[in-house]
Amino acid sequence: MIKRFFKTFLAILVIILFVMISLSIGHKNSELITLSYYFDTQVTLSVAGLLIAPFVLGLLVGLLLMFLSLVNQKLKTGSANRKIVKLEKQIEALQLAHEDG
């Protein structure tokens, strides 16, 4: 119980720290810059937005990978549980056959 509380508290603390740093960066870097891409495409962003965008993108990619890993583990666990039930039924059948024989 205490370990879970500590993990939750630490996660909230990290989130608050990240938000504070992001706000500080945004306040100090409010200038606009223009990024030029191929085919005469231009995008105007604030420096803070440009600095924070890779972090947000990394967070989203990380969450997606964690979700896919979780789904994979759930599928493996379900398969293993079905095998266990099947083997337990086989054991029961063998025990009954042994008792009768």
PDB file of N, CA and C in Angstrom:
ATOM      1  N   MET A   1       0.823  -1.183   0.000  1.00  0.00           N
ATOM      2  CA  MET A   1       0.000   0.000   0.000  1.00  0.00           C
ATOM      3  C   MET A   1       0.872   1.254   0.000  1.00  0.00           C
ATOM      4  N   ILE A   2       1.867   1.281   0.859  1.00  0.00           N
ATOM      5  CA  ILE A   2       2.761   2.437   0.940  1.00  0.00           C
ATOM      6  C   ILE A   2       3.584   2.554  -0.331  1.00  0.00           C
ATOM      7  N   LYS A   3       4.000   1.418  -0.882  1.00  0.00           N
ATOM      8  CA  LYS A   3       4.800   1.437  -2.105  1.00  0.00           C
ATOM      9  C   LYS A   3       3.993   2.029  -3.263  1.00  0.00           C
ATOM     10  N   ARG A   4       2.723   1.660  -3.361  1.00  0.00           N
ATOM     11  CA  ARG A   4       1.863   2.198  -4.425  1.00  0.00           C
ATOM     12  C   ARG A   4       1.655   3.699  -4.234  1.00  0.00           C
ATOM     13  N   PHE A   5       1.441   4.116  -2.993  1.00  0.00           N
ATOM     14  CA  PHE A   5       1.277   5.542  -2.697  1.00  0.00           C
ATOM     15  C   PHE A   5       2.529   6.310  -3.081  1.00  0.00           C
ATOM     16  N   PHE A   6       3.696   5.755  -2.778  1.00  0.00           N
ATOM     17  CA  PHE A   6       4.953   6.412  -3.096  1.00  0.00           C
ATOM     18  C   PHE A   6       5.124   6.549  -4.606  1.00  0.00           C
ATOM     19  N   LYS A   7       4.784   5.498  -5.361  1.00  0.00           N
ATOM     20  CA  LYS A   7       4.887   5.558  -6.818  1.00  0.00           C
ATOM     21  C   LYS A   7       3.951   6.614  -7.385  1.00  0.00           C
ATOM     22  N   THR A   8       2.718   6.667  -6.879  1.00  0.00           N
ATOM     23  CA  THR A   8       1.748   7.654  -7.338  1.00  0.00           C
ATOM     24  C   THR A   8       2.226   9.064  -7.008  1.00  0.00           C
ATOM     25  N   PHE A   9       2.703   9.256  -5.804  1.00  0.00           N
ATOM     26  CA  PHE A   9       3.213  10.555  -5.384  1.00  0.00           C
ATOM     27  C   PHE A   9       4.390  10.982  -6.256  1.00  0.00           C
ATOM     28  N   LEU A  10       5.293  10.059  -6.526  1.00  0.00           N
ATOM     29  CA  LEU A  10       6.457  10.365  -7.357  1.00  0.00           C
ATOM     30  C   LEU A  10       6.038  10.709  -8.783  1.00  0.00           C
ATOM     31  N   ALA A  11       5.064   9.992  -9.323  1.00  0.00           N
ATOM     32  CA  ALA A  11       4.586  10.281 -10.680  1.00  0.00           C
ATOM     33  C   ALA A  11       3.955  11.663 -10.746  1.00  0.00           C
ATOM     34  N   ILE A  12       3.142  12.013  -9.761  1.00  0.00           N
ATOM     35  CA  ILE A  12       2.514  13.334  -9.733  1.00  0.00           C
ATOM     36  C   ILE A  12       3.570  14.421  -9.588  1.00  0.00           C
ATOM     37  N   LEU A  13       4.573  14.177  -8.776  1.00  0.00           N
ATOM     38  CA  LEU A  13       5.655  15.138  -8.596  1.00  0.00           C
ATOM     39  C   LEU A  13       6.424  15.364  -9.900  1.00  0.00           C
ATOM     40  N   VAL A  14       6.698  14.309 -10.631  1.00  0.00           N
ATOM     41  CA  VAL A  14       7.401  14.423 -11.915  1.00  0.00           C
ATOM     42  C   VAL A  14       6.547  15.197 -12.918  1.00  0.00           C
ATOM     43  N   ILE A  15       5.256  14.939 -12.946  1.00  0.00           N
ATOM     44  CA  ILE A  15       4.365  15.653 -13.864  1.00  0.00           C
ATOM     45  C   ILE A  15       4.325  17.141 -13.527  1.00  0.00           C
ATOM     46  N   ILE A  16       4.199  17.464 -12.248  1.00  0.00           N
ATOM     47  CA  ILE A  16       4.188  18.869 -11.836  1.00  0.00           C
ATOM     48  C   ILE A  16       5.505  19.543 -12.205  1.00  0.00           C
ATOM     49  N   LEU A  17       6.616  18.863 -11.989  1.00  0.00           N
ATOM     50  CA  LEU A  17       7.921  19.415 -12.340  1.00  0.00           C
ATOM     51  C   LEU A  17       8.031  19.644 -13.844  1.00  0.00           C
ATOM     52  N   PHE A  18       7.547  18.689 -14.643  1.00  0.00           N
ATOM     53  CA  PHE A  18       7.580  18.826 -16.098  1.00  0.00           C
ATOM     54  C   PHE A  18       6.736  20.016 -16.559  1.00  0.00           C
ATOM     55  N   VAL A  19       5.552  20.180 -15.969  1.00  0.00           N
ATOM     56  CA  VAL A  19       4.689  21.303 -16.335  1.00  0.00           C
ATOM     57  C   VAL A  19       5.345  22.630 -15.961  1.00  0.00           C
ATOM     58  N   MET A  20       5.956  22.690 -14.794  1.00  0.00           N
ATOM     59  CA  MET A  20       6.623  23.926 -14.368  1.00  0.00           C
ATOM     60  C   MET A  20       7.782  24.275 -15.293  1.00  0.00           C
ATOM     61  N   ILE A  21       8.572  23.287 -15.665  1.00  0.00           N
ATOM     62  CA  ILE A  21       9.694  23.536 -16.586  1.00  0.00           C
ATOM     63  C   ILE A  21       9.169  23.963 -17.949  1.00  0.00           C
ATOM     64  N   SER A  22       8.098  23.322 -18.411  1.00  0.00           N
ATOM     65  CA  SER A  22       7.516  23.685 -19.703  1.00  0.00           C
ATOM     66  C   SER A  22       7.006  25.116 -19.697  1.00  0.00           C
ATOM     67  N   LEU A  23       6.325  25.503 -18.626  1.00  0.00           N
ATOM     68  CA  LEU A  23       5.828  26.875 -18.524  1.00  0.00           C
ATOM     69  C   LEU A  23       6.980  27.878 -18.477  1.00  0.00           C
ATOM     70  N   SER A  24       8.034  27.527 -17.776  1.00  0.00           N
ATOM     71  CA  SER A  24       9.201  28.399 -17.699  1.00  0.00           C
ATOM     72  C   SER A  24       9.856  28.569 -19.065  1.00  0.00           C
ATOM     73  N   ILE A  25      10.011  27.475 -19.794  1.00  0.00           N
ATOM     74  CA  ILE A  25      10.591  27.541 -21.137  1.00  0.00           C
ATOM     75  C   ILE A  25       9.686  28.359 -22.050  1.00  0.00           C
ATOM     76  N   GLY A  26       8.385  28.154 -21.958  1.00  0.00           N
ATOM     77  CA  GLY A  26       7.450  28.906 -22.778  1.00  0.00           C
ATOM     78  C   GLY A  26       7.480  30.390 -22.492  1.00  0.00           C
ATOM     79  N   HIS A  27       7.642  30.744 -21.234  1.00  0.00           N
ATOM     80  CA  HIS A  27       7.685  32.153 -20.862  1.00  0.00           C
ATOM     81  C   HIS A  27       8.964  32.819 -21.354  1.00  0.00           C
ATOM     82  N   LYS A  28      10.075  32.134 -21.248  1.00  0.00           N
ATOM     83  CA  LYS A  28      11.374  32.707 -21.641  1.00  0.00           C
ATOM     84  C   LYS A  28      11.580  32.713 -23.153  1.00  0.00           C
ATOM     85  N   ASN A  29      10.876  31.835 -23.892  1.00  0.00           N
ATOM     86  CA  ASN A  29      11.092  31.705 -25.336  1.00  0.00           C
ATOM     87  C   ASN A  29       9.784  31.890 -26.094  1.00  0.00           C
ATOM     88  N   SER A  30       9.270  33.084 -26.077  1.00  0.00           N
ATOM     89  CA  SER A  30       7.986  33.330 -26.724  1.00  0.00           C
ATOM     90  C   SER A  30       8.137  33.870 -28.147  1.00  0.00           C
ATOM     91  N   GLU A  31       9.367  34.001 -28.647  1.00  0.00           N
ATOM     92  CA  GLU A  31       9.573  34.507 -30.003  1.00  0.00           C
ATOM     93  C   GLU A  31       9.048  33.514 -31.036  1.00  0.00           C
ATOM     94  N   LEU A  32       8.639  34.042 -32.186  1.00  0.00           N
ATOM     95  CA  LEU A  32       8.175  33.189 -33.270  1.00  0.00           C
ATOM     96  C   LEU A  32       9.308  32.959 -34.257  1.00  0.00           C
ATOM     97  N   ILE A  33       9.382  31.731 -34.754  1.00  0.00           N
ATOM     98  CA  ILE A  33      10.359  31.408 -35.789  1.00  0.00           C
ATOM     99  C   ILE A  33       9.620  30.724 -36.939  1.00  0.00           C
ATOM    100  N   THR A  34      10.215  30.811 -38.118  1.00  0.00           N
ATOM    101  CA  THR A  34       9.611  30.206 -39.300  1.00  0.00           C
ATOM    102  C   THR A  34      10.502  29.075 -39.773  1.00  0.00           C
ATOM    103  N   LEU A  35       9.926  27.895 -39.894  1.00  0.00           N
ATOM    104  CA  LEU A  35      10.648  26.744 -40.410  1.00  0.00           C
ATOM    105  C   LEU A  35      10.280  26.570 -41.875  1.00  0.00           C
ATOM    106  N   SER A  36      11.284  26.444 -42.726  1.00  0.00           N
ATOM    107  CA  SER A  36      11.045  26.251 -44.155  1.00  0.00           C
ATOM    108  C   SER A  36      11.318  24.800 -44.510  1.00  0.00           C
ATOM    109  N   TYR A  37      10.354  24.191 -45.188  1.00  0.00           N
ATOM    110  CA  TYR A  37      10.477  22.813 -45.619  1.00  0.00           C
ATOM    111  C   TYR A  37      10.617  22.773 -47.130  1.00  0.00           C
ATOM    112  N   TYR A  38      10.617  21.588 -47.665  1.00  0.00           N
ATOM    113  CA  TYR A  38      10.681  21.424 -49.112  1.00  0.00           C
ATOM    114  C   TYR A  38       9.400  21.918 -49.770  1.00  0.00           C
ATOM    115  N   PHE A  39       9.459  22.173 -51.034  1.00  0.00           N
ATOM    116  CA  PHE A  39       8.308  22.605 -51.841  1.00  0.00           C
ATOM    117  C   PHE A  39       7.694  23.894 -51.309  1.00  0.00           C
ATOM    118  N   ASP A  40       8.516  24.814 -50.859  1.00  0.00           N
ATOM    119  CA  ASP A  40       8.090  26.137 -50.371  1.00  0.00           C
ATOM    120  C   ASP A  40       7.042  26.072 -49.267  1.00  0.00           C
ATOM    121  N   THR A  41       7.136  25.076 -48.401  1.00  0.00           N
ATOM    122  CA  THR A  41       6.230  24.955 -47.261  1.00  0.00           C
ATOM    123  C   THR A  41       6.893  25.597 -46.057  1.00  0.00           C
ATOM    124  N   GLN A  42       6.162  26.450 -45.374  1.00  0.00           N
ATOM    125  CA  GLN A  42       6.685  27.124 -44.194  1.00  0.00           C
ATOM    126  C   GLN A  42       5.719  26.967 -43.030  1.00  0.00           C
ATOM    127  N   VAL A  43       6.276  26.843 -41.831  1.00  0.00           N
ATOM    128  CA  VAL A  43       5.482  26.747 -40.614  1.00  0.00           C
ATOM    129  C   VAL A  43       6.051  27.734 -39.617  1.00  0.00           C
ATOM    130  N   THR A  44       5.172  28.511 -38.996  1.00  0.00           N
ATOM    131  CA  THR A  44       5.602  29.470 -37.983  1.00  0.00           C
ATOM    132  C   THR A  44       5.208  28.930 -36.613  1.00  0.00           C
ATOM    133  N   LEU A  45       6.208  28.803 -35.755  1.00  0.00           N
ATOM    134  CA  LEU A  45       6.003  28.276 -34.396  1.00  0.00           C
ATOM    135  C   LEU A  45       6.740  29.144 -33.398  1.00  0.00           C
ATOM    136  N   SER A  46       6.327  29.048 -32.144  1.00  0.00           N
ATOM    137  CA  SER A  46       7.118  29.682 -31.091  1.00  0.00           C
ATOM    138  C   SER A  46       8.299  28.762 -30.772  1.00  0.00           C
ATOM    139  N   VAL A  47       9.328  29.337 -30.233  1.00  0.00           N
ATOM    140  CA  VAL A  47      10.512  28.545 -29.870  1.00  0.00           C
ATOM    141  C   VAL A  47      10.126  27.502 -28.824  1.00  0.00           C
ATOM    142  N   ALA A  48       9.261  27.888 -27.891  1.00  0.00           N
ATOM    143  CA  ALA A  48       8.825  26.940 -26.847  1.00  0.00           C
ATOM    144  C   ALA A  48       8.092  25.764 -27.463  1.00  0.00           C
ATOM    145  N   GLY A  49       7.219  26.045 -28.426  1.00  0.00           N
ATOM    146  CA  GLY A  49       6.498  24.959 -29.095  1.00  0.00           C
ATOM    147  C   GLY A  49       7.438  24.021 -29.813  1.00  0.00           C
ATOM    148  N   LEU A  50       8.457  24.598 -30.431  1.00  0.00           N
ATOM    149  CA  LEU A  50       9.435  23.780 -31.137  1.00  0.00           C
ATOM    150  C   LEU A  50      10.274  22.945 -30.172  1.00  0.00           C
ATOM    151  N   LEU A  51      10.533  23.479 -28.991  1.00  0.00           N
ATOM    152  CA  LEU A  51      11.315  22.730 -28.002  1.00  0.00           C
ATOM    153  C   LEU A  51      10.494  21.621 -27.336  1.00  0.00           C
ATOM    154  N   ILE A  52       9.212  21.883 -27.132  1.00  0.00           N
ATOM    155  CA  ILE A  52       8.376  20.926 -26.416  1.00  0.00           C
ATOM    156  C   ILE A  52       7.820  19.838 -27.339  1.00  0.00           C
ATOM    157  N   ALA A  53       7.661  20.132 -28.618  1.00  0.00           N
ATOM    158  CA  ALA A  53       7.074  19.178 -29.565  1.00  0.00           C
ATOM    159  C   ALA A  53       7.781  17.819 -29.579  1.00  0.00           C
ATOM    160  N   PRO A  54       9.127  17.753 -29.611  1.00  0.00           N
ATOM    161  CA  PRO A  54       9.765  16.424 -29.604  1.00  0.00           C
ATOM    162  C   PRO A  54       9.493  15.636 -28.323  1.00  0.00           C
ATOM    163  N   PHE A  55       9.382  16.332 -27.198  1.00  0.00           N
ATOM    164  CA  PHE A  55       9.087  15.640 -25.947  1.00  0.00           C
ATOM    165  C   PHE A  55       7.685  15.045 -25.974  1.00  0.00           C
ATOM    166  N   VAL A  56       6.721  15.820 -26.468  1.00  0.00           N
ATOM    167  CA  VAL A  56       5.348  15.326 -26.560  1.00  0.00           C
ATOM    168  C   VAL A  56       5.277  14.163 -27.539  1.00  0.00           C
ATOM    169  N   LEU A  57       5.954  14.289 -28.674  1.00  0.00           N
ATOM    170  CA  LEU A  57       5.971  13.208 -29.654  1.00  0.00           C
ATOM    171  C   LEU A  57       6.598  11.949 -29.056  1.00  0.00           C
ATOM    172  N   GLY A  58       7.681  12.109 -28.330  1.00  0.00           N
ATOM    173  CA  GLY A  58       8.324  10.967 -27.668  1.00  0.00           C
ATOM    174  C   GLY A  58       7.417  10.329 -26.630  1.00  0.00           C
ATOM    175  N   LEU A  59       6.677  11.160 -25.899  1.00  0.00           N
ATOM    176  CA  LEU A  59       5.734  10.644 -24.911  1.00  0.00           C
ATOM    177  C   LEU A  59       4.646   9.819 -25.589  1.00  0.00           C
ATOM    178  N   LEU A  60       4.105  10.330 -26.686  1.00  0.00           N
ATOM    179  CA  LEU A  60       3.053   9.600 -27.391  1.00  0.00           C
ATOM    180  C   LEU A  60       3.569   8.287 -27.976  1.00  0.00           C
ATOM    181  N   VAL A  61       4.764   8.300 -28.551  1.00  0.00           N
ATOM    182  CA  VAL A  61       5.343   7.067 -29.098  1.00  0.00           C
ATOM    183  C   VAL A  61       5.595   6.066 -27.972  1.00  0.00           C
ATOM    184  N   GLY A  62       6.109   6.545 -26.852  1.00  0.00           N
ATOM    185  CA  GLY A  62       6.348   5.666 -25.706  1.00  0.00           C
ATOM    186  C   GLY A  62       5.069   5.046 -25.170  1.00  0.00           C
ATOM    187  N   LEU A  63       4.011   5.854 -25.074  1.00  0.00           N
ATOM    188  CA  LEU A  63       2.723   5.328 -24.611  1.00  0.00           C
ATOM    189  C   LEU A  63       2.170   4.285 -25.579  1.00  0.00           C
ATOM    190  N   LEU A  64       2.318   4.545 -26.872  1.00  0.00           N
ATOM    191  CA  LEU A  64       1.850   3.577 -27.871  1.00  0.00           C
ATOM    192  C   LEU A  64       2.605   2.260 -27.742  1.00  0.00           C
ATOM    193  N   LEU A  65       3.916   2.330 -27.585  1.00  0.00           N
ATOM    194  CA  LEU A  65       4.710   1.109 -27.448  1.00  0.00           C
ATOM    195  C   LEU A  65       4.367   0.362 -26.161  1.00  0.00           C
ATOM    196  N   MET A  66       4.130   1.096 -25.078  1.00  0.00           N
ATOM    197  CA  MET A  66       3.740   0.446 -23.829  1.00  0.00           C
ATOM    198  C   MET A  66       2.392  -0.242 -23.980  1.00  0.00           C
ATOM    199  N   PHE A  67       1.454   0.422 -24.667  1.00  0.00           N
ATOM    200  CA  PHE A  67       0.134  -0.167 -24.874  1.00  0.00           C
ATOM    201  C   PHE A  67       0.238  -1.441 -25.706  1.00  0.00           C
ATOM    202  N   LEU A  68       1.030  -1.409 -26.777  1.00  0.00           N
ATOM    203  CA  LEU A  68       1.189  -2.601 -27.611  1.00  0.00           C
ATOM    204  C   LEU A  68       1.837  -3.736 -26.822  1.00  0.00           C
ATOM    205  N   SER A  69       2.809  -3.411 -25.992  1.00  0.00           N
ATOM    206  CA  SER A  69       3.449  -4.424 -25.161  1.00  0.00           C
ATOM    207  C   SER A  69       2.453  -5.010 -24.156  1.00  0.00           C
ATOM    208  N   LEU A  70       1.602  -4.158 -23.584  1.00  0.00           N
ATOM    209  CA  LEU A  70       0.603  -4.622 -22.632  1.00  0.00           C
ATOM    210  C   LEU A  70      -0.401  -5.562 -23.302  1.00  0.00           C
ATOM    211  N   VAL A  71      -0.840  -5.196 -24.499  1.00  0.00           N
ATOM    212  CA  VAL A  71      -1.783  -6.049 -25.235  1.00  0.00           C
ATOM    213  C   VAL A  71      -1.130  -7.394 -25.542  1.00  0.00           C
ATOM    214  N   ASN A  72       0.126  -7.374 -25.952  1.00  0.00           N
ATOM    215  CA  ASN A  72       0.854  -8.612 -26.254  1.00  0.00           C
ATOM    216  C   ASN A  72       0.944  -9.500 -25.012  1.00  0.00           C
ATOM    217  N   GLN A  73       1.260  -8.916 -23.866  1.00  0.00           N
ATOM    218  CA  GLN A  73       1.363  -9.698 -22.635  1.00  0.00           C
ATOM    219  C   GLN A  73       0.007 -10.250 -22.211  1.00  0.00           C
ATOM    220  N   LYS A  74      -1.065  -9.477 -22.398  1.00  0.00           N
ATOM    221  CA  LYS A  74      -2.405  -9.956 -22.059  1.00  0.00           C
ATOM    222  C   LYS A  74      -2.783 -11.146 -22.941  1.00  0.00           C
ATOM    223  N   LEU A  75      -2.443 -11.074 -24.230  1.00  0.00           N
ATOM    224  CA  LEU A  75      -2.734 -12.190 -25.129  1.00  0.00           C
ATOM    225  C   LEU A  75      -1.956 -13.441 -24.722  1.00  0.00           C
ATOM    226  N   LYS A  76      -0.685 -13.275 -24.381  1.00  0.00           N
ATOM    227  CA  LYS A  76       0.122 -14.417 -23.945  1.00  0.00           C
ATOM    228  C   LYS A  76      -0.414 -15.008 -22.644  1.00  0.00           C
ATOM    229  N   THR A  77      -0.826 -14.148 -21.724  1.00  0.00           N
ATOM    230  CA  THR A  77      -1.368 -14.621 -20.451  1.00  0.00           C
ATOM    231  C   THR A  77      -2.659 -15.393 -20.659  1.00  0.00           C
ATOM    232  N   GLY A  78      -3.524 -14.874 -21.524  1.00  0.00           N
ATOM    233  CA  GLY A  78      -4.781 -15.574 -21.819  1.00  0.00           C
ATOM    234  C   GLY A  78      -4.534 -16.935 -22.432  1.00  0.00           C
ATOM    235  N   SER A  79      -3.579 -17.022 -23.339  1.00  0.00           N
ATOM    236  CA  SER A  79      -3.238 -18.294 -23.969  1.00  0.00           C
ATOM    237  C   SER A  79      -2.693 -19.274 -22.938  1.00  0.00           C
ATOM    238  N   ALA A  80      -1.831 -18.779 -22.069  1.00  0.00           N
ATOM    239  CA  ALA A  80      -1.258 -19.649 -21.039  1.00  0.00           C
ATOM    240  C   ALA A  80      -2.341 -20.139 -20.071  1.00  0.00           C
ATOM    241  N   ASN A  81      -3.277 -19.264 -19.717  1.00  0.00           N
ATOM    242  CA  ASN A  81      -4.362 -19.670 -18.815  1.00  0.00           C
ATOM    243  C   ASN A  81      -5.247 -20.733 -19.449  1.00  0.00           C
ATOM    244  N   ARG A  82      -5.519 -20.613 -20.746  1.00  0.00           N
ATOM    245  CA  ARG A  82      -6.322 -21.635 -21.429  1.00  0.00           C
ATOM    246  C   ARG A  82      -5.585 -22.977 -21.436  1.00  0.00           C
ATOM    247  N   LYS A  83      -4.276 -22.939 -21.633  1.00  0.00           N
ATOM    248  CA  LYS A  83      -3.485 -24.183 -21.597  1.00  0.00           C
ATOM    249  C   LYS A  83      -3.523 -24.811 -20.207  1.00  0.00           C
ATOM    250  N   ILE A  84      -3.448 -23.974 -19.184  1.00  0.00           N
ATOM    251  CA  ILE A  84      -3.484 -24.475 -17.807  1.00  0.00           C
ATOM    252  C   ILE A  84      -4.810 -25.172 -17.526  1.00  0.00           C
ATOM    253  N   VAL A  85      -5.915 -24.544 -17.937  1.00  0.00           N
ATOM    254  CA  VAL A  85      -7.235 -25.151 -17.722  1.00  0.00           C
ATOM    255  C   VAL A  85      -7.325 -26.480 -18.446  1.00  0.00           C
ATOM    256  N   LYS A  86      -6.833 -26.538 -19.680  1.00  0.00           N
ATOM    257  CA  LYS A  86      -6.869 -27.776 -20.458  1.00  0.00           C
ATOM    258  C   LYS A  86      -6.045 -28.872 -19.779  1.00  0.00           C
ATOM    259  N   LEU A  87      -4.863 -28.525 -19.313  1.00  0.00           N
ATOM    260  CA  LEU A  87      -4.004 -29.514 -18.654  1.00  0.00           C
ATOM    261  C   LEU A  87      -4.601 -29.972 -17.324  1.00  0.00           C
ATOM    262  N   GLU A  88      -5.249 -29.054 -16.586  1.00  0.00           N
ATOM    263  CA  GLU A  88      -5.886 -29.446 -15.326  1.00  0.00           C
ATOM    264  C   GLU A  88      -7.015 -30.439 -15.576  1.00  0.00           C
ATOM    265  N   LYS A  89      -7.758 -30.228 -16.661  1.00  0.00           N
ATOM    266  CA  LYS A  89      -8.821 -31.171 -17.006  1.00  0.00           C
ATOM    267  C   LYS A  89      -8.234 -32.529 -17.370  1.00  0.00           C
ATOM    268  N   GLN A  90      -7.114 -32.535 -18.073  1.00  0.00           N
ATOM    269  CA  GLN A  90      -6.464 -33.794 -18.427  1.00  0.00           C
ATOM    270  C   GLN A  90      -5.970 -34.509 -17.174  1.00  0.00           C
ATOM    271  N   ILE A  91      -5.437 -33.758 -16.235  1.00  0.00           N
ATOM    272  CA  ILE A  91      -4.957 -34.357 -14.981  1.00  0.00           C
ATOM    273  C   ILE A  91      -6.122 -34.983 -14.225  1.00  0.00           C
ATOM    274  N   GLU A  92      -7.242 -34.258 -14.145  1.00  0.00           N
ATOM    275  CA  GLU A  92      -8.420 -34.800 -13.463  1.00  0.00           C
ATOM    276  C   GLU A  92      -8.903 -36.081 -14.136  1.00  0.00           C
ATOM    277  N   ALA A  93      -8.908 -36.080 -15.451  1.00  0.00           N
ATOM    278  CA  ALA A  93      -9.353 -37.278 -16.178  1.00  0.00           C
ATOM    279  C   ALA A  93      -8.411 -38.441 -15.908  1.00  0.00           C
ATOM    280  N   LEU A  94      -7.120 -38.198 -15.883  1.00  0.00           N
ATOM    281  CA  LEU A  94      -6.146 -39.258 -15.610  1.00  0.00           C
ATOM    282  C   LEU A  94      -6.274 -39.764 -14.171  1.00  0.00           C
ATOM    283  N   GLN A  95      -6.532 -38.855 -13.231  1.00  0.00           N
ATOM    284  CA  GLN A  95      -6.695 -39.268 -11.834  1.00  0.00           C
ATOM    285  C   GLN A  95      -7.933 -40.131 -11.678  1.00  0.00           C
ATOM    286  N   LEU A  96      -9.025 -39.739 -12.358  1.00  0.00           N
ATOM    287  CA  LEU A  96     -10.242 -40.550 -12.286  1.00  0.00           C
ATOM    288  C   LEU A  96     -10.025 -41.915 -12.929  1.00  0.00           C
ATOM    289  N   ALA A  97      -9.308 -41.966 -14.039  1.00  0.00           N
ATOM    290  CA  ALA A  97      -9.023 -43.236 -14.711  1.00  0.00           C
ATOM    291  C   ALA A  97      -8.142 -44.111 -13.828  1.00  0.00           C
ATOM    292  N   HIS A  98      -7.213 -43.491 -13.124  1.00  0.00           N
ATOM    293  CA  HIS A  98      -6.314 -44.248 -12.247  1.00  0.00           C
ATOM    294  C   HIS A  98      -7.077 -44.802 -11.045  1.00  0.00           C
ATOM    295  N   GLU A  99      -8.013 -44.029 -10.502  1.00  0.00           N
ATOM    296  CA  GLU A  99      -8.806 -44.476  -9.360  1.00  0.00           C
ATOM    297  C   GLU A  99      -9.729 -45.626  -9.771  1.00  0.00           C
ATOM    298  N   ASP A 100     -10.278 -45.574 -10.988  1.00  0.00           N
ATOM    299  CA  ASP A 100     -11.191 -46.616 -11.460  1.00  0.00           C
ATOM    300  C   ASP A 100     -10.424 -47.893 -11.824  1.00  0.00           C
ATOM    301  N   GLY A 101      -9.209 -47.740 -12.290  1.00  0.00           N
ATOM    302  CA  GLY A 101      -8.457 -48.887 -12.785  1.00  0.00           C
ATOM    303  C   GLY A 101      -7.706 -49.562 -11.726  1.00  0.00           C
TER     304      GLY A 101
END
